[in-house]
C-alpha atoms as a PDB file:
ATOM      1  CA  MET A   1      73.519   9.796  -4.442  1.00  0.00           C
ATOM      2  CA  GLU A   2      70.405  11.186  -2.764  1.00  0.00           C
ATOM      3  CA  PHE A   3      67.830  13.405  -4.467  1.00  0.00           C
ATOM      4  CA  ALA A   4      65.304  15.836  -3.104  1.00  0.00           C
ATOM      5  CA  LYS A   5      61.643  15.065  -3.640  1.00  0.00           C
ATOM      6  CA  PRO A   6      60.586  17.085  -6.705  1.00  0.00           C
ATOM      7  CA  GLY A   7      58.076  19.873  -6.389  1.00  0.00           C
ATOM      8  CA  SER A   8      55.592  21.104  -8.983  1.00  0.00           C
ATOM      9  CA  ARG A   9      57.867  24.066  -9.807  1.00  0.00           C
ATOM     10  CA  SER A  10      61.276  22.412  -9.614  1.00  0.00           C
ATOM     11  CA  SER A  11      63.982  24.233 -11.559  1.00  0.00           C
ATOM     12  CA  PRO A  12      65.440  22.499 -14.625  1.00  0.00           C
ATOM     13  CA  SER A  13      68.307  20.195 -13.724  1.00  0.00           C
ATOM     14  CA  PRO A  14      70.145  17.257 -15.316  1.00  0.00           C
ATOM     15  CA  HIS A  15      68.256  14.879 -13.008  1.00  0.00           C
ATOM     16  CA  LEU A  16      64.748  13.565 -13.746  1.00  0.00           C
ATOM     17  CA  PHE A  17      62.344  11.968 -11.279  1.00  0.00           C
ATOM     18  CA  VAL A  18      60.415   9.447 -13.393  1.00  0.00           C
ATOM     19  CA  ALA A  19      57.245   7.860 -11.983  1.00  0.00           C
ATOM     20  CA  ASN A  20      55.377   4.801 -13.324  1.00  0.00           C
ATOM     21  CA  CYS A  21      58.704   3.310 -14.312  1.00  0.00           C
ATOM     22  CA  GLY A  22      60.912   0.712 -12.611  1.00  0.00           C
ATOM     23  CA  PRO A  23      61.641  -2.945 -11.769  1.00  0.00           C
ATOM     24  CA  ALA A  24      58.347  -3.398  -9.904  1.00  0.00           C
ATOM     25  CA  LEU A  25      56.617  -2.739 -13.233  1.00  0.00           C
ATOM     26  CA  ASP A  26      58.808  -5.267 -15.074  1.00  0.00           C
ATOM     27  CA  LEU A  27      61.007  -2.525 -16.526  1.00  0.00           C
ATOM     28  CA  GLY A  28      64.667  -3.247 -15.849  1.00  0.00           C
ATOM     29  CA  LEU A  29      67.220  -0.458 -15.465  1.00  0.00           C
ATOM     30  CA  PRO A  30      69.028  -1.305 -18.764  1.00  0.00           C
ATOM     31  CA  ILE A  31      65.889  -0.838 -20.870  1.00  0.00           C
ATOM     32  CA  ILE A  32      65.076   2.401 -19.008  1.00  0.00           C
ATOM     33  CA  ALA A  33      68.582   3.679 -19.739  1.00  0.00           C
ATOM     34  CA  ARG A  34      68.132   2.759 -23.415  1.00  0.00           C
ATOM     35  CA  ALA A  35      64.835   4.692 -23.614  1.00  0.00           C
ATOM     36  CA  PHE A  36      66.356   7.871 -22.192  1.00  0.00           C
ATOM     37  CA  SER A  37      69.754   7.652 -23.897  1.00  0.00           C
ATOM     38  CA  THR A  38      68.167   8.750 -27.177  1.00  0.00           C
ATOM     39  CA  PHE A  39      68.137  12.284 -25.727  1.00  0.00           C
ATOM     40  CA  GLY A  40      71.756  12.275 -24.556  1.00  0.00           C
ATOM     41  CA  PRO A  41      74.253  10.231 -22.546  1.00  0.00           C
ATOM     42  CA  VAL A  42      72.711   8.885 -19.320  1.00  0.00           C
ATOM     43  CA  THR A  43      75.345   9.320 -16.624  1.00  0.00           C
ATOM     44  CA  HIS A  44      73.505   7.654 -13.747  1.00  0.00           C
ATOM     45  CA  LEU A  45      70.323   5.661 -13.148  1.00  0.00           C
ATOM     46  CA  GLN A  46      68.948   4.580  -9.779  1.00  0.00           C
ATOM     47  CA  LEU A  47      65.728   3.742  -7.938  1.00  0.00           C
ATOM     48  CA  ALA A  48      64.080   6.828  -6.469  1.00  0.00           C
ATOM     49  CA  ASP A  49      62.664   4.931  -3.484  1.00  0.00           C
ATOM     50  CA  ALA A  50      61.884   1.423  -2.229  1.00  0.00           C
ATOM     51  CA  SER A  51      58.648   1.129  -4.223  1.00  0.00           C
ATOM     52  CA  GLY A  52      60.426  -0.078  -7.347  1.00  0.00           C
ATOM     53  CA  CYS A  53      58.155   2.038  -9.566  1.00  0.00           C
ATOM     54  CA  ARG A  54      60.043   5.347  -9.599  1.00  0.00           C
ATOM     55  CA  VAL A  55      63.581   6.062 -10.845  1.00  0.00           C
ATOM     56  CA  ILE A  56      66.063   8.904 -11.081  1.00  0.00           C
ATOM     57  CA  VAL A  57      67.595   9.396 -14.550  1.00  0.00           C
ATOM     58  CA  SER A  58      70.655  11.665 -14.670  1.00  0.00           C
ATOM     59  CA  PHE A  59      72.149  13.304 -17.757  1.00  0.00           C
ATOM     60  CA  HIS A  60      75.399  15.226 -18.129  1.00  0.00           C
ATOM     61  CA  GLU A  61      73.608  18.246 -19.612  1.00  0.00           C
ATOM     62  CA  VAL A  62      70.454  20.040 -18.433  1.00  0.00           C
ATOM     63  CA  ALA A  63      69.386  20.407 -22.079  1.00  0.00           C
ATOM     64  CA  HIS A  64      69.286  16.633 -22.496  1.00  0.00           C
ATOM     65  CA  ALA A  65      67.058  16.249 -19.432  1.00  0.00           C
ATOM     66  CA  GLN A  66      64.758  19.010 -20.704  1.00  0.00           C
ATOM     67  CA  ALA A  67      64.439  17.302 -24.080  1.00  0.00           C
ATOM     68  CA  ALA A  68      63.594  13.963 -22.462  1.00  0.00           C
ATOM     69  CA  ARG A  69      60.998  15.546 -20.194  1.00  0.00           C
ATOM     70  CA  GLU A  70      59.323  17.439 -23.055  1.00  0.00           C
ATOM     71  CA  ALA A  71      59.151  14.303 -25.195  1.00  0.00           C
ATOM     72  CA  LEU A  72      58.078  11.719 -22.605  1.00  0.00           C
ATOM     73  CA  ASP A  73      56.198  13.410 -19.760  1.00  0.00           C
ATOM     74  CA  GLY A  74      52.548  12.400 -19.985  1.00  0.00           C
ATOM     75  CA  PHE A  75      53.018  10.325 -23.137  1.00  0.00           C
ATOM     76  CA  PRO A  76      53.265   6.564 -23.712  1.00  0.00           C
ATOM     77  CA  CYS A  77      56.827   5.387 -24.265  1.00  0.00           C
ATOM     78  CA  ALA A  78      57.047   2.627 -26.881  1.00  0.00           C
ATOM     79  CA  VAL A  79      60.389   1.317 -25.583  1.00  0.00           C
ATOM     80  CA  LEU A  80      58.915   0.998 -22.061  1.00  0.00           C
ATOM     81  CA  ASN A  81      55.843  -1.073 -22.953  1.00  0.00           C
ATOM     82  CA  ASN A  82      53.841   2.071 -23.807  1.00  0.00           C
ATOM     83  CA  ARG A  83      53.751   3.172 -20.185  1.00  0.00           C
ATOM     84  CA  ILE A  84      52.720   6.775 -19.637  1.00  0.00           C
ATOM     85  CA  LEU A  85      55.548   8.356 -17.672  1.00  0.00           C
ATOM     86  CA  HIS A  86      55.255  11.216 -15.190  1.00  0.00           C
ATOM     87  CA  ILE A  87      58.467  13.220 -15.103  1.00  0.00           C
ATOM     88  CA  GLN A  88      59.691  16.119 -12.966  1.00  0.00           C
ATOM     89  CA  PHE A  89      63.082  17.688 -12.430  1.00  0.00           C
ATOM     90  CA  SER A  90      64.947  16.673  -9.305  1.00  0.00           C
ATOM     91  CA  ALA A  91      68.085  17.912  -7.612  1.00  0.00           C
ATOM     92  CA  ALA A  92      70.908  16.133  -5.839  1.00  0.00           C
ATOM     93  CA  ARG A  93      71.167  16.858  -2.154  1.00  0.00           C
ATOM     94  CA  LYS A  94      73.831  16.423   0.454  1.00  0.00           C
ATOM     95  CA  PRO A  95      74.071  12.938   1.944  1.00  0.00           C
ATOM     96  CA  SER A  96      71.606  12.492   4.764  1.00  0.00           C
ATOM     97  CA  THR A  97      72.833  11.949   8.298  1.00  0.00           C
ATOM     98  CA  VAL A  98      69.926   9.561   8.831  1.00  0.00           C
ATOM     99  CA  LYS A  99      71.029   5.965   9.216  1.00  0.00           C
ATOM    100  CA  GLU A 100      70.375   3.557   6.382  1.00  0.00           C
ATOM    101  CA  PRO A 101      67.160   1.542   6.760  1.00  0.00           C
ATOM    102  CA  SER A 102      67.511  -1.690   8.650  1.00  0.00           C
ATOM    103  CA  PRO A 103      67.795  -4.858   6.575  1.00  0.00           C
ATOM    104  CA  VAL A 104      64.774  -7.091   6.248  1.00  0.00           C
ATOM    105  CA  PHE A 105      64.918  -9.768   8.912  1.00  0.00           C
ATOM    106  CA  GLU A 106      64.028 -13.303   7.917  1.00  0.00           C
ATOM    107  CA  GLU A 107      64.345 -14.917  11.349  1.00  0.00           C
ATOM    108  CA  ALA A 108      62.574 -13.789  14.518  1.00  0.00           C
ATOM    109  CA  SER A 109      65.729 -14.455  16.534  1.00  0.00           C
ATOM    110  CA  GLU A 110      67.518 -11.692  14.612  1.00  0.00           C
ATOM    111  CA  ILE A 111      64.966  -8.877  14.906  1.00  0.00           C
ATOM    112  CA  GLY A 112      65.582  -8.126  18.590  1.00  0.00           C
ATOM    113  CA  ILE A 113      61.965  -7.557  19.647  1.00  0.00           C
ATOM    114  CA  PRO A 114      61.057  -9.457  22.833  1.00  0.00           C
ATOM    115  CA  GLY A 115      58.047 -11.721  22.347  1.00  0.00           C
ATOM    116  CA  LEU A 116      58.143 -11.957  18.542  1.00  0.00           C
ATOM    117  CA  CYS A 117      58.175 -15.534  17.208  1.00  0.00           C
ATOM    118  CA  LEU A 118      58.018 -16.785  13.606  1.00  0.00           C
ATOM    119  CA  PHE A 119      57.366 -20.401  12.669  1.00  0.00           C
ATOM    120  CA  LYS A 120      57.976 -21.169   9.001  1.00  0.00           C
ATOM    121  CA  ASN A 121      56.033 -23.920   7.193  1.00  0.00           C
ATOM    122  CA  PHE A 122      53.602 -24.119  10.093  1.00  0.00           C
ATOM    123  CA  VAL A 123      51.091 -25.805   7.786  1.00  0.00           C
ATOM    124  CA  GLU A 124      51.611 -28.082   4.794  1.00  0.00           C
ATOM    125  CA  LYS A 125      50.576 -27.051   1.273  1.00  0.00           C
ATOM    126  CA  LEU A 126      47.596 -29.419   1.364  1.00  0.00           C
ATOM    127  CA  GLU A 127      46.437 -27.961   4.692  1.00  0.00           C
ATOM    128  CA  GLU A 128      46.782 -24.478   3.211  1.00  0.00           C
ATOM    129  CA  GLN A 129      44.561 -25.418   0.285  1.00  0.00           C
ATOM    130  CA  GLU A 130      41.975 -26.965   2.596  1.00  0.00           C
ATOM    131  CA  LEU A 131      41.886 -23.889   4.839  1.00  0.00           C
ATOM    132  CA  LEU A 132      41.512 -21.556   1.863  1.00  0.00           C
ATOM    133  CA  ALA A 133      38.742 -23.699   0.380  1.00  0.00           C
ATOM    134  CA  ALA A 134      36.914 -23.771   3.717  1.00  0.00           C
ATOM    135  CA  VAL A 135      37.052 -20.024   4.216  1.00  0.00           C
ATOM    136  CA  ASP A 136      36.008 -19.346   0.615  1.00  0.00           C
ATOM    137  CA  GLU A 137      32.784 -21.233   1.282  1.00  0.00           C
ATOM    138  CA  GLN A 138      31.871 -18.625   3.913  1.00  0.00           C
ATOM    139  CA  PRO A 139      30.494 -15.109   3.221  1.00  0.00           C
ATOM    140  CA  TRP A 140      32.940 -12.223   3.069  1.00  0.00           C
ATOM    141  CA  GLN A 141      32.421  -8.705   4.426  1.00  0.00           C
ATOM    142  CA  ALA A 142      33.818  -5.998   2.133  1.00  0.00           C
ATOM    143  CA  LEU A 143      35.936  -3.181   3.568  1.00  0.00           C
ATOM    144  CA  SER A 144      37.314  -0.325   1.492  1.00  0.00           C
ATOM    145  CA  LYS A 145      40.304  -2.252   0.124  1.00  0.00           C
ATOM    146  CA  ARG A 146      40.072  -5.800   1.448  1.00  0.00           C
ATOM    147  CA  ARG A 147      37.612  -8.483   2.559  1.00  0.00           C
ATOM    148  CA  VAL A 148      37.203  -9.915   6.056  1.00  0.00           C
ATOM    149  CA  GLN A 149      35.418 -12.611   8.009  1.00  0.00           C
ATOM    150  CA  HIS A 150      34.926 -12.635  11.793  1.00  0.00           C
ATOM    151  CA  TYR A 151      34.349 -15.632  14.040  1.00  0.00           C
ATOM    152  CA  GLY A 152      33.676 -15.826  17.775  1.00  0.00           C
ATOM    153  CA  TYR A 153      33.304 -12.068  18.098  1.00  0.00           C
ATOM    154  CA  GLU A 154      33.144  -9.373  15.423  1.00  0.00           C
ATOM    155  CA  PHE A 155      35.870  -6.769  15.558  1.00  0.00           C
ATOM    156  CA  GLN A 156      34.185  -3.387  15.092  1.00  0.00           C
ATOM    157  CA  TYR A 157      36.591  -1.120  13.259  1.00  0.00           C
ATOM    158  CA  LYS A 158      34.817   2.137  14.097  1.00  0.00           C
ATOM    159  CA  ILE A 159      35.319   1.641  17.839  1.00  0.00           C
ATOM    160  CA  ARG A 160      38.395  -0.617  17.518  1.00  0.00           C
ATOM    161  CA  ASN A 161      36.881  -3.100  19.936  1.00  0.00           C
ATOM    162  CA  VAL A 162      34.490  -6.030  20.318  1.00  0.00           C
ATOM    163  CA  ASP A 163      31.134  -6.328  22.049  1.00  0.00           C
ATOM    164  CA  ILE A 164      31.556  -9.194  24.520  1.00  0.00           C
ATOM    165  CA  MET A 165      27.772  -9.511  24.716  1.00  0.00           C
ATOM    166  CA  GLN A 166      27.599 -10.424  21.026  1.00  0.00           C
ATOM    167  CA  ASN A 167      29.103 -13.904  20.907  1.00  0.00           C
ATOM    168  CA  MET A 168      28.915 -15.467  17.439  1.00  0.00           C
ATOM    169  CA  GLY A 169      29.635 -19.000  18.644  1.00  0.00           C
ATOM    170  CA  LYS A 170      32.719 -21.174  18.666  1.00  0.00           C
ATOM    171  CA  LEU A 171      35.504 -20.824  16.139  1.00  0.00           C
ATOM    172  CA  PRO A 172      34.894 -22.836  12.944  1.00  0.00           C
ATOM    173  CA  LYS A 173      35.695 -26.539  12.867  1.00  0.00           C
ATOM    174  CA  PHE A 174      38.161 -26.099  10.032  1.00  0.00           C
ATOM    175  CA  THR A 175      40.504 -24.298  12.443  1.00  0.00           C
ATOM    176  CA  ASP A 176      40.510 -27.063  15.104  1.00  0.00           C
ATOM    177  CA  CYS A 177      43.735 -28.703  13.940  1.00  0.00           C
ATOM    178  CA  ILE A 178      45.502 -25.317  13.733  1.00  0.00           C
ATOM    179  CA  LEU A 179      44.342 -24.242  17.202  1.00  0.00           C
ATOM    180  CA  LYS A 180      45.501 -27.543  18.688  1.00  0.00           C
ATOM    181  CA  ARG A 181      48.937 -27.098  17.146  1.00  0.00           C
ATOM    182  CA  ILE A 182      49.125 -23.468  18.318  1.00  0.00           C
ATOM    183  CA  SER A 183      48.212 -24.374  21.905  1.00  0.00           C
ATOM    184  CA  ALA A 184      51.067 -26.898  21.962  1.00  0.00           C
ATOM    185  CA  LEU A 185      53.771 -24.364  21.069  1.00  0.00           C
ATOM    186  CA  PRO A 186      56.353 -24.253  23.901  1.00  0.00           C
ATOM    187  CA  GLU A 187      56.583 -20.457  23.594  1.00  0.00           C
ATOM    188  CA  LEU A 188      52.880 -20.163  24.460  1.00  0.00           C
ATOM    189  CA  ILE A 189      52.903 -22.807  27.161  1.00  0.00           C
ATOM    190  CA  THR A 190      55.652 -21.029  29.102  1.00  0.00           C
ATOM    191  CA  ALA A 191      54.480 -17.436  28.514  1.00  0.00           C
ATOM    192  CA  GLU A 192      52.858 -15.880  31.578  1.00  0.00           C
ATOM    193  CA  GLU A 193      50.409 -13.590  29.786  1.00  0.00           C
ATOM    194  CA  VAL A 194      48.989 -16.160  27.341  1.00  0.00           C
ATOM    195  CA  SER A 195      45.252 -16.723  27.718  1.00  0.00           C
ATOM    196  CA  MET A 196      43.658 -19.843  26.309  1.00  0.00           C
ATOM    197  CA  PRO A 197      41.591 -20.847  24.550  1.00  0.00           C
ATOM    198  CA  LEU A 198      41.769 -18.327  21.727  1.00  0.00           C
ATOM    199  CA  ASP A 199      38.164 -17.336  21.013  1.00  0.00           C
ATOM    200  CA  GLN A 200      38.242 -14.705  18.255  1.00  0.00           C
ATOM    201  CA  LEU A 201      39.310 -15.072  14.640  1.00  0.00           C
ATOM    202  CA  THR A 202      39.540 -12.476  11.901  1.00  0.00           C
ATOM    203  CA  VAL A 203      40.265 -13.659   8.366  1.00  0.00           C
ATOM    204  CA  ASN A 204      41.660 -10.965   6.065  1.00  0.00           C
ATOM    205  CA  GLU A 205      42.033 -11.213   2.295  1.00  0.00           C
ATOM    206  CA  TYR A 206      44.549  -8.781   0.809  1.00  0.00           C
ATOM    207  CA  PRO A 207      44.717  -8.163  -2.969  1.00  0.00           C
ATOM    208  CA  PRO A 208      48.133  -7.211  -4.428  1.00  0.00           C
ATOM    209  CA  GLY A 209      49.188  -3.720  -3.372  1.00  0.00           C
ATOM    210  CA  VAL A 210      46.928  -3.625  -0.300  1.00  0.00           C
ATOM    211  CA  GLY A 211      48.470  -3.640   3.147  1.00  0.00           C
ATOM    212  CA  LEU A 212      47.530  -2.688   6.676  1.00  0.00           C
ATOM    213  CA  SER A 213      47.962   0.624   8.469  1.00  0.00           C
ATOM    214  CA  PRO A 214      50.326   0.817  11.468  1.00  0.00           C
ATOM    215  CA  HIS A 215      48.518  -0.275  14.630  1.00  0.00           C
ATOM    216  CA  ILE A 216      48.690  -2.074  17.935  1.00  0.00           C
ATOM    217  CA  ASP A 217      45.818  -4.507  18.462  1.00  0.00           C
ATOM    218  CA  THR A 218      43.638  -2.717  20.998  1.00  0.00           C
ATOM    219  CA  HIS A 219      44.717  -3.561  24.569  1.00  0.00           C
ATOM    220  CA  SER A 220      41.200  -3.313  25.994  1.00  0.00           C
ATOM    221  CA  ALA A 221      39.814  -5.640  23.315  1.00  0.00           C
ATOM    222  CA  PHE A 222      42.270  -8.522  23.477  1.00  0.00           C
ATOM    223  CA  GLU A 223      44.545 -10.134  26.045  1.00  0.00           C
ATOM    224  CA  GLY A 224      47.577 -12.326  25.644  1.00  0.00           C
ATOM    225  CA  ALA A 225      49.059 -13.509  22.403  1.00  0.00           C
ATOM    226  CA  ILE A 226      48.192 -12.351  18.888  1.00  0.00           C
ATOM    227  CA  VAL A 227      48.667 -15.255  16.476  1.00  0.00           C
ATOM    228  CA  CYS A 228      48.633 -14.776  12.697  1.00  0.00           C
ATOM    229  CA  LEU A 229      48.822 -17.458  10.018  1.00  0.00           C
ATOM    230  CA  SER A 230      49.804 -16.283   6.497  1.00  0.00           C
ATOM    231  CA  LEU A 231      48.295 -18.231   3.596  1.00  0.00           C
ATOM    232  CA  ALA A 232      48.350 -18.025  -0.217  1.00  0.00           C
ATOM    233  CA  GLY A 233      51.114 -15.431  -0.397  1.00  0.00           C
ATOM    234  CA  PRO A 234      54.011 -13.786   1.465  1.00  0.00           C
ATOM    235  CA  CYS A 235      54.406 -10.201   2.614  1.00  0.00           C
ATOM    236  CA  LEU A 236      56.684  -7.822   4.426  1.00  0.00           C
ATOM    237  CA  MET A 237      55.607  -6.704   7.902  1.00  0.00           C
ATOM    238  CA  GLU A 238      57.284  -3.738   9.529  1.00  0.00           C
ATOM    239  CA  PHE A 239      57.409  -3.250  13.288  1.00  0.00           C
ATOM    240  CA  ARG A 240      57.596   0.340  14.507  1.00  0.00           C
ATOM    241  CA  LYS A 241      58.368   1.780  17.916  1.00  0.00           C
ATOM    242  CA  TYR A 242      57.342   5.426  18.013  1.00  0.00           C
ATOM    243  CA  GLU A 243      58.571   8.440  19.924  1.00  0.00           C
ATOM    244  CA  THR A 244      56.223   8.575  22.922  1.00  0.00           C
ATOM    245  CA  GLU A 245      56.229   9.303  26.592  1.00  0.00           C
ATOM    246  CA  THR A 246      57.890   6.722  28.814  1.00  0.00           C
ATOM    247  CA  ASP A 247      55.941   3.501  29.226  1.00  0.00           C
ATOM    248  CA  SER A 248      55.305   4.255  32.897  1.00  0.00           C
ATOM    249  CA  ASP A 249      53.682   7.624  32.098  1.00  0.00           C
ATOM    250  CA  ALA A 250      49.918   7.270  31.688  1.00  0.00           C
ATOM    251  CA  SER A 251      49.721  10.693  29.998  1.00  0.00           C
ATOM    252  CA  GLY A 252      51.421   9.391  26.843  1.00  0.00           C
ATOM    253  CA  LEU A 253      50.256   9.784  23.274  1.00  0.00           C
ATOM    254  CA  GLY A 254      47.828   6.913  23.395  1.00  0.00           C
ATOM    255  CA  HIS A 255      47.303   3.677  21.498  1.00  0.00           C
ATOM    256  CA  ILE A 256      46.243   3.174  17.942  1.00  0.00           C
ATOM    257  CA  GLY A 257      43.774   0.412  17.169  1.00  0.00           C
ATOM    258  CA  VAL A 258      43.203  -1.549  13.984  1.00  0.00           C
ATOM    259  CA  CYS A 259      42.293   0.793  11.127  1.00  0.00           C
ATOM    260  CA  GLU A 260      41.120   0.305   7.560  1.00  0.00           C
ATOM    261  CA  ASP A 261      43.138   3.098   5.978  1.00  0.00           C
ATOM    262  CA  PRO A 262      46.033   5.418   6.854  1.00  0.00           C
ATOM    263  CA  GLU A 263      43.902   8.562   6.668  1.00  0.00           C
ATOM    264  CA  SER A 264      41.720   7.470   9.558  1.00  0.00           C
ATOM    265  CA  ILE A 265      44.628   7.143  11.961  1.00  0.00           C
ATOM    266  CA  SER A 266      45.262  10.832  12.563  1.00  0.00           C
ATOM    267  CA  SER A 267      41.659  11.384  13.632  1.00  0.00           C
ATOM    268  CA  LEU A 268      41.667   8.774  16.382  1.00  0.00           C
ATOM    269  CA  ASN A 269      43.055  10.985  19.123  1.00  0.00           C
ATOM    270  CA  GLY A 270      43.764  14.293  17.413  1.00  0.00           C
ATOM    271  CA  GLN A 271      47.094  15.796  16.530  1.00  0.00           C
ATOM    272  CA  ARG A 272      49.065  13.860  19.118  1.00  0.00           C
ATOM    273  CA  ASN A 273      48.276  10.552  17.458  1.00  0.00           C
ATOM    274  CA  ALA A 274      49.058  12.087  14.073  1.00  0.00           C
ATOM    275  CA  LYS A 275      52.491  12.913  15.457  1.00  0.00           C
ATOM    276  CA  ILE A 276      53.070   9.351  16.550  1.00  0.00           C
ATOM    277  CA  GLN A 277      52.513   8.193  12.982  1.00  0.00           C
ATOM    278  CA  ARG A 278      55.035  10.629  11.547  1.00  0.00           C
ATOM    279  CA  CYS A 279      57.907  10.001  13.952  1.00  0.00           C
ATOM    280  CA  PRO A 280      58.968   6.362  14.130  1.00  0.00           C
ATOM    281  CA  ILE A 281      62.215   5.989  16.027  1.00  0.00           C
ATOM    282  CA  GLN A 282      62.746   2.308  15.265  1.00  0.00           C
ATOM    283  CA  CYS A 283      61.637   0.365  12.173  1.00  0.00           C
ATOM    284  CA  ARG A 284      62.312  -3.355  11.897  1.00  0.00           C
ATOM    285  CA  PRO A 285      60.850  -5.187   8.888  1.00  0.00           C
ATOM    286  CA  ILE A 286      60.460  -8.959   8.819  1.00  0.00           C
ATOM    287  CA  PHE A 287      59.538 -11.186   5.889  1.00  0.00           C
ATOM    288  CA  LEU A 288      56.528 -13.471   6.425  1.00  0.00           C
ATOM    289  CA  PRO A 289      56.566 -16.430   4.007  1.00  0.00           C
ATOM    290  CA  GLU A 290      53.319 -18.104   3.021  1.00  0.00           C
ATOM    291  CA  ARG A 291      52.244 -20.851   5.449  1.00  0.00           C
ATOM    292  CA  SER A 292      54.196 -19.201   8.289  1.00  0.00           C
ATOM    293  CA  LEU A 293      52.826 -18.438  11.762  1.00  0.00           C
ATOM    294  CA  LEU A 294      53.638 -15.158  13.512  1.00  0.00           C
ATOM    295  CA  VAL A 295      53.172 -14.983  17.297  1.00  0.00           C
ATOM    296  CA  LEU A 296      53.271 -11.696  19.213  1.00  0.00           C
ATOM    297  CA  LEU A 297      53.751 -11.820  22.981  1.00  0.00           C
ATOM    298  CA  GLY A 298      54.724  -9.278  25.612  1.00  0.00           C
ATOM    299  CA  GLU A 299      56.490  -6.231  24.197  1.00  0.00           C
ATOM    300  CA  ALA A 300      55.994  -7.303  20.561  1.00  0.00           C
ATOM    301  CA  ARG A 301      52.241  -7.521  21.150  1.00  0.00           C
ATOM    302  CA  TYR A 302      51.629  -4.584  23.495  1.00  0.00           C
ATOM    303  CA  ARG A 303      54.335  -2.042  22.626  1.00  0.00           C
ATOM    304  CA  TRP A 304      55.261  -2.238  18.921  1.00  0.00           C
ATOM    305  CA  HIS A 305      53.030  -1.124  16.061  1.00  0.00           C
ATOM    306  CA  HIS A 306      52.930  -3.524  13.128  1.00  0.00           C
ATOM    307  CA  TYR A 307      52.349  -2.490   9.539  1.00  0.00           C
ATOM    308  CA  ILE A 308      52.067  -4.118   6.119  1.00  0.00           C
ATOM    309  CA  PRO A 309      53.300  -1.743   3.375  1.00  0.00           C
ATOM    310  CA  HIS A 310      50.887  -1.136   0.506  1.00  0.00           C
ATOM    311  CA  HIS A 311      53.190  -2.636  -2.124  1.00  0.00           C
ATOM    312  CA  LYS A 312      52.788  -5.021  -5.028  1.00  0.00           C
ATOM    313  CA  VAL A 313      56.443  -5.983  -4.732  1.00  0.00           C
ATOM    314  CA  ASP A 314      58.611  -6.411  -1.650  1.00  0.00           C
ATOM    315  CA  PHE A 315      62.389  -6.129  -1.806  1.00  0.00           C
ATOM    316  CA  VAL A 316      63.945  -8.561   0.648  1.00  0.00           C
ATOM    317  CA  ASN A 317      67.706  -8.247   1.022  1.00  0.00           C
ATOM    318  CA  GLY A 318      68.287  -7.836  -2.698  1.00  0.00           C
ATOM    319  CA  ARG A 319      65.495 -10.178  -3.788  1.00  0.00           C
ATOM    320  CA  LYS A 320      62.370  -9.008  -5.574  1.00  0.00           C
ATOM    321  CA  VAL A 321      59.355 -10.805  -4.057  1.00  0.00           C
ATOM    322  CA  GLN A 322      56.134 -10.321  -6.011  1.00  0.00           C
ATOM    323  CA  ARG A 323      52.912 -10.208  -3.987  1.00  0.00           C
ATOM    324  CA  LYS A 324      50.582 -12.943  -5.225  1.00  0.00           C
ATOM    325  CA  GLU A 325      46.977 -12.662  -6.402  1.00  0.00           C
ATOM    326  CA  ARG A 326      45.927 -12.563  -2.793  1.00  0.00           C
ATOM    327  CA  ARG A 327      47.217 -13.107   0.717  1.00  0.00           C
ATOM    328  CA  VAL A 328      44.845 -14.537   3.328  1.00  0.00           C
ATOM    329  CA  SER A 329      45.653 -14.184   7.010  1.00  0.00           C
ATOM    330  CA  PHE A 330      44.033 -15.963   9.954  1.00  0.00           C
ATOM    331  CA  THR A 331      44.483 -13.827  13.087  1.00  0.00           C
ATOM    332  CA  PHE A 332      43.563 -15.569  16.346  1.00  0.00           C
ATOM    333  CA  ARG A 333      43.050 -13.616  19.584  1.00  0.00           C
ATOM    334  CA  LYS A 334      41.548 -13.880  23.059  1.00  0.00           C
ATOM    335  CA  VAL A 335      38.807 -11.386  23.937  1.00  0.00           C
ATOM    336  CA  ARG A 336      39.519  -9.460  27.136  1.00  0.00           C
ATOM    337  CA  ARG A 337      36.843  -9.237  29.827  1.00  0.00           C
ATOM    338  CA  GLY A 338      38.453  -6.690  32.103  1.00  0.00           C
ATOM    339  CA  PRO A 339      40.889  -3.765  31.968  1.00  0.00           C
ATOM    340  CA  CYS A 340      44.443  -4.224  30.756  1.00  0.00           C
ATOM    341  CA  HIS A 341      47.163  -3.831  33.387  1.00  0.00           C
ATOM    342  CA  CYS A 342      50.224  -4.096  31.138  1.00  0.00           C
ATOM    343  CA  ILE A 343      53.404  -2.120  31.845  1.00  0.00           C
ATOM    344  CA  PHE A 344      53.226  -0.268  28.513  1.00  0.00           C
ATOM    345  CA  ARG A 345      50.933   2.477  29.762  1.00  0.00           C
ATOM    346  CA  SER A 346      51.726   5.062  27.077  1.00  0.00           C
ATOM    347  CA  VAL A 347      50.113   2.857  24.430  1.00  0.00           C
ATOM    348  CA  CYS A 348      47.429   1.238  26.591  1.00  0.00           C
ATOM    349  CA  ASP A 349      43.865   2.531  26.141  1.00  0.00           C
ATOM    350  CA  SER A 350      42.813   0.909  29.439  1.00  0.00           C
ATOM    351  CA  GLN A 351      45.243   3.069  31.402  1.00  0.00           C
ATOM    352  CA  MET A 352      45.217   6.435  29.615  1.00  0.00           C
ATOM    353  CA  CYS A 353      44.048   9.465  31.615  1.00  0.00           C
END
């Protein structure tokens, strides 16, 4: 059953939208049902959304729902680990004609995006520990919700580009073995657009619940493959293909570069870019295990936005996957020294009119 998003003045109904409550907060559905059944028989209980921290509790009688809301809204519930619940009335709605969300892909061969490659267990556990120790010896730069380090060239988030005149030197020695292994991948050796050697590295540290806004790595900043190594923890990454002009039309909605927060996206190119964020036409999530290497080539690199949801828990085909204390990603790229001439003109900042 589907439910409408509750408003501040929702009419009383037998259905309650309960926030700060759910499996992602270590509160199973049976104990939630027990907490609410003291006010009347609970006829149905389900997750309100994919976050795992909001549920819909349904009673047979409106009076039972009203009693539960009056007693629990804004107060700690002893049965539910003294969590303070936020409760509003909700209403059932007609089944949506929108297709069910795609399943989470766990193999690159299944996702159907040309140029996307995933290599699991690309590094051993000992190598992972050594890489993390090496990067933790270096200074971090604090952003609003995460920490970063830049090598080779600094990515400047305000302009979504790099200054090719400001070379910071070669990539650190502790990445030599990884770069050698990356350069030997058959997928990169045979790809026409790959540019070697990779000369820019951004290290990101994500605390639990922090993700990354939807973006395409700026065409004018980087050429060839985008290569990302996931360390310390797994995550879900969603690939989105938005409603835009045709790829051959240079008057399209325009690209979106790397951003620190979702709010900044709509201001990049005005209302048209805000529209592109609201209207995804294809969403394909893939699970990135720790120690895996993600490679984006061709269409996957230049055409599809990628996004890490801001979740503390990911649900992967029925499994609950807890985000760890941190996830550290090593993203390797090649700085571009001329305009991009890709075929995906509607999302290419080098070719927009």
